[in-house]
Amino acid sequence: MNTLTWLQMKETFPNEWLLITDFQLDDSGHLINGYVERHAKDKANVYRLPSLGKPTAFRYTGESTFSGLRHHANHQNDL
């Protein structure tokens, strides 16, 4: 597979965890493009595999389920 843009990765691997190499980031640290070495629905299947010995990026193509900061902010408003 060739290098893909972030949008192409999201379209090709919806709701999956990706291990990306040969990637480029913009000035804000957002992924521009890269080569998808591994992908899986379960992030453990991507993280558990042997190291590639080169810089890698991990990204999820679906919606984030992280609510930690939002929960903390809501709790602070209750005080």
N, C-alpha and C. Protein backbone atom coordinates (compact mmCIF):
# COMPACT_ATOMS: atom_id res chain seq x y z
N MET A 1 0.84 -1.18 0.00
CA MET A 1 0.00 0.00 0.00
C MET A 1 0.88 1.25 0.00
N ASN A 2 0.42 2.29 -0.63
CA ASN A 2 1.15 3.55 -0.72
C ASN A 2 0.89 4.43 0.49
N THR A 3 1.61 5.52 0.54
CA THR A 3 1.37 6.53 1.56
C THR A 3 -0.05 7.08 1.38
N LEU A 4 -0.73 7.26 2.51
CA LEU A 4 -2.10 7.77 2.49
C LEU A 4 -2.19 9.07 3.28
N THR A 5 -3.13 9.92 2.89
CA THR A 5 -3.41 11.10 3.71
C THR A 5 -4.23 10.63 4.91
N TRP A 6 -4.34 11.49 5.93
CA TRP A 6 -5.15 11.16 7.10
C TRP A 6 -6.59 10.89 6.70
N LEU A 7 -7.15 11.68 5.81
CA LEU A 7 -8.52 11.47 5.35
C LEU A 7 -8.67 10.11 4.67
N GLN A 8 -7.70 9.74 3.84
CA GLN A 8 -7.74 8.43 3.17
C GLN A 8 -7.65 7.30 4.19
N MET A 9 -6.84 7.47 5.24
CA MET A 9 -6.74 6.46 6.29
C MET A 9 -8.07 6.26 6.98
N LYS A 10 -8.74 7.38 7.30
CA LYS A 10 -10.03 7.30 7.98
C LYS A 10 -11.07 6.62 7.11
N GLU A 11 -11.03 6.86 5.80
CA GLU A 11 -11.98 6.24 4.87
C GLU A 11 -11.67 4.76 4.64
N THR A 12 -10.39 4.41 4.58
CA THR A 12 -9.96 3.04 4.30
C THR A 12 -10.07 2.14 5.52
N PHE A 13 -9.81 2.68 6.71
CA PHE A 13 -9.80 1.91 7.95
C PHE A 13 -10.72 2.56 9.00
N PRO A 14 -12.03 2.59 8.74
CA PRO A 14 -12.93 3.27 9.68
C PRO A 14 -12.95 2.58 11.05
N ASN A 15 -12.93 3.40 12.11
CA ASN A 15 -13.00 2.92 13.49
C ASN A 15 -11.94 1.87 13.81
N GLU A 16 -10.72 2.12 13.33
CA GLU A 16 -9.62 1.20 13.59
C GLU A 16 -8.43 1.95 14.17
N TRP A 17 -7.59 1.20 14.87
CA TRP A 17 -6.32 1.71 15.38
C TRP A 17 -5.26 1.48 14.33
N LEU A 18 -4.42 2.47 14.11
CA LEU A 18 -3.39 2.39 13.07
C LEU A 18 -2.00 2.59 13.66
N LEU A 19 -1.05 1.86 13.14
CA LEU A 19 0.36 2.09 13.40
C LEU A 19 0.92 2.62 12.09
N ILE A 20 1.44 3.84 12.13
CA ILE A 20 1.82 4.55 10.92
C ILE A 20 3.32 4.87 10.95
N THR A 21 3.99 4.63 9.83
CA THR A 21 5.41 4.97 9.70
C THR A 21 5.58 5.95 8.55
N ASP A 22 6.80 6.46 8.41
CA ASP A 22 7.12 7.40 7.32
C ASP A 22 6.06 8.49 7.23
N PHE A 23 5.71 9.04 8.38
CA PHE A 23 4.62 10.01 8.47
C PHE A 23 5.13 11.45 8.49
N GLN A 24 4.23 12.36 8.17
CA GLN A 24 4.49 13.79 8.25
C GLN A 24 3.43 14.41 9.15
N LEU A 25 3.88 15.37 9.99
CA LEU A 25 2.97 16.11 10.87
C LEU A 25 2.99 17.58 10.48
N ASP A 26 1.87 18.26 10.71
CA ASP A 26 1.87 19.71 10.47
C ASP A 26 2.46 20.41 11.70
N ASP A 27 2.50 21.73 11.69
CA ASP A 27 3.10 22.50 12.78
C ASP A 27 2.38 22.31 14.11
N SER A 28 1.12 21.88 14.06
CA SER A 28 0.34 21.65 15.28
C SER A 28 0.44 20.21 15.78
N GLY A 29 1.17 19.37 15.05
CA GLY A 29 1.32 17.97 15.45
C GLY A 29 0.24 17.05 14.91
N HIS A 30 -0.59 17.56 14.00
CA HIS A 30 -1.63 16.72 13.38
C HIS A 30 -1.03 15.95 12.21
N LEU A 31 -1.47 14.71 12.07
CA LEU A 31 -0.97 13.84 11.02
C LEU A 31 -1.42 14.33 9.65
N ILE A 32 -0.48 14.45 8.73
CA ILE A 32 -0.79 14.84 7.35
C ILE A 32 -0.92 13.58 6.49
N ASN A 33 0.11 12.72 6.54
CA ASN A 33 0.10 11.50 5.75
C ASN A 33 1.10 10.52 6.33
N GLY A 34 1.09 9.31 5.79
CA GLY A 34 2.02 8.29 6.24
C GLY A 34 1.67 6.93 5.64
N TYR A 35 2.44 5.94 6.05
CA TYR A 35 2.27 4.56 5.58
C TYR A 35 1.69 3.73 6.71
N VAL A 36 0.54 3.11 6.48
CA VAL A 36 -0.11 2.28 7.50
C VAL A 36 0.55 0.90 7.50
N GLU A 37 1.31 0.65 8.57
CA GLU A 37 2.00 -0.64 8.71
C GLU A 37 1.06 -1.70 9.27
N ARG A 38 0.22 -1.30 10.23
CA ARG A 38 -0.69 -2.24 10.89
C ARG A 38 -2.00 -1.53 11.20
N HIS A 39 -3.08 -2.30 11.24
CA HIS A 39 -4.37 -1.74 11.61
C HIS A 39 -5.23 -2.84 12.22
N ALA A 40 -6.09 -2.46 13.17
CA ALA A 40 -6.97 -3.43 13.82
C ALA A 40 -8.07 -2.68 14.56
N LYS A 41 -9.20 -3.36 14.78
CA LYS A 41 -10.30 -2.79 15.58
C LYS A 41 -9.90 -2.70 17.04
N ASP A 42 -9.11 -3.64 17.52
CA ASP A 42 -8.66 -3.68 18.91
C ASP A 42 -7.24 -3.13 18.99
N LYS A 43 -7.06 -2.04 19.75
CA LYS A 43 -5.74 -1.41 19.79
C LYS A 43 -4.66 -2.33 20.34
N ALA A 44 -5.03 -3.28 21.18
CA ALA A 44 -4.04 -4.22 21.72
C ALA A 44 -3.39 -5.03 20.60
N ASN A 45 -4.13 -5.30 19.55
CA ASN A 45 -3.58 -6.06 18.42
C ASN A 45 -2.55 -5.26 17.64
N VAL A 46 -2.62 -3.94 17.72
CA VAL A 46 -1.64 -3.09 17.04
C VAL A 46 -0.43 -2.88 17.95
N TYR A 47 -0.67 -2.63 19.25
CA TYR A 47 0.42 -2.36 20.19
C TYR A 47 1.24 -3.60 20.52
N ARG A 48 0.63 -4.77 20.52
CA ARG A 48 1.30 -6.01 20.95
C ARG A 48 2.32 -6.54 19.96
N LEU A 49 2.24 -6.15 18.75
CA LEU A 49 3.12 -6.69 17.72
C LEU A 49 4.55 -6.20 17.92
N PRO A 50 5.52 -6.91 17.40
CA PRO A 50 6.93 -6.51 17.57
C PRO A 50 7.21 -5.09 17.06
N SER A 51 8.19 -4.46 17.66
CA SER A 51 8.60 -3.11 17.27
C SER A 51 9.14 -3.12 15.85
N LEU A 52 8.95 -2.02 15.16
CA LEU A 52 9.45 -1.91 13.79
C LEU A 52 10.84 -1.30 13.74
N GLY A 53 11.32 -0.76 14.86
CA GLY A 53 12.65 -0.18 14.90
C GLY A 53 12.78 1.15 14.19
N LYS A 54 11.65 1.86 14.01
CA LYS A 54 11.69 3.19 13.41
C LYS A 54 10.56 4.02 14.00
N PRO A 55 10.60 5.33 13.83
CA PRO A 55 9.55 6.17 14.40
C PRO A 55 8.16 5.75 13.91
N THR A 56 7.23 5.72 14.84
CA THR A 56 5.87 5.32 14.51
C THR A 56 4.88 6.26 15.17
N ALA A 57 3.70 6.34 14.59
CA ALA A 57 2.60 7.11 15.15
C ALA A 57 1.42 6.15 15.31
N PHE A 58 0.67 6.33 16.40
CA PHE A 58 -0.55 5.55 16.64
C PHE A 58 -1.73 6.49 16.56
N ARG A 59 -2.73 6.13 15.79
CA ARG A 59 -3.92 6.97 15.67
C ARG A 59 -5.16 6.08 15.61
N TYR A 60 -6.29 6.65 16.05
CA TYR A 60 -7.59 5.98 15.97
C TYR A 60 -8.43 6.76 14.97
N THR A 61 -9.05 6.07 14.03
CA THR A 61 -9.79 6.74 12.97
C THR A 61 -11.24 7.03 13.32
N GLY A 62 -11.71 6.53 14.46
CA GLY A 62 -13.09 6.78 14.87
C GLY A 62 -13.19 7.97 15.81
N GLU A 63 -14.35 8.11 16.42
CA GLU A 63 -14.58 9.17 17.40
C GLU A 63 -13.92 8.79 18.71
N SER A 64 -13.30 9.73 19.36
CA SER A 64 -12.64 9.48 20.64
C SER A 64 -13.68 9.25 21.73
N THR A 65 -13.39 8.30 22.61
CA THR A 65 -14.26 8.03 23.75
C THR A 65 -13.69 8.64 25.03
N PHE A 66 -12.60 9.39 24.91
CA PHE A 66 -11.96 10.00 26.07
C PHE A 66 -12.84 11.12 26.62
N SER A 67 -13.17 11.05 27.91
CA SER A 67 -14.00 12.08 28.52
C SER A 67 -13.38 12.61 29.80
N GLY A 68 -12.14 12.29 30.08
CA GLY A 68 -11.50 12.66 31.34
C GLY A 68 -11.49 14.13 31.63
N LEU A 69 -11.06 14.96 30.68
CA LEU A 69 -11.01 16.40 30.93
C LEU A 69 -12.40 16.99 31.06
N ARG A 70 -13.32 16.53 30.25
CA ARG A 70 -14.69 17.02 30.31
C ARG A 70 -15.31 16.67 31.66
N HIS A 71 -15.09 15.45 32.12
CA HIS A 71 -15.62 15.02 33.41
C HIS A 71 -15.02 15.87 34.53
N HIS A 72 -13.74 16.13 34.48
CA HIS A 72 -13.08 16.93 35.50
C HIS A 72 -13.64 18.35 35.51
N ALA A 73 -13.81 18.95 34.33
CA ALA A 73 -14.34 20.31 34.23
C ALA A 73 -15.77 20.38 34.77
N ASN A 74 -16.59 19.40 34.44
CA ASN A 74 -17.96 19.37 34.95
C ASN A 74 -17.98 19.24 36.47
N HIS A 75 -17.08 18.44 37.00
CA HIS A 75 -17.01 18.25 38.44
C HIS A 75 -16.59 19.54 39.13
N GLN A 76 -15.66 20.28 38.53
CA GLN A 76 -15.20 21.54 39.12
C GLN A 76 -16.33 22.57 39.16
N ASN A 77 -17.21 22.54 38.16
CA ASN A 77 -18.33 23.48 38.13
C ASN A 77 -19.34 23.20 39.24
N ASP A 78 -19.37 21.97 39.73
CA ASP A 78 -20.30 21.58 40.79
C ASP A 78 -19.86 22.09 42.16
N LEU A 79 -18.58 22.46 42.28
CA LEU A 79 -18.05 22.89 43.60
C LEU A 79 -18.52 24.26 43.99
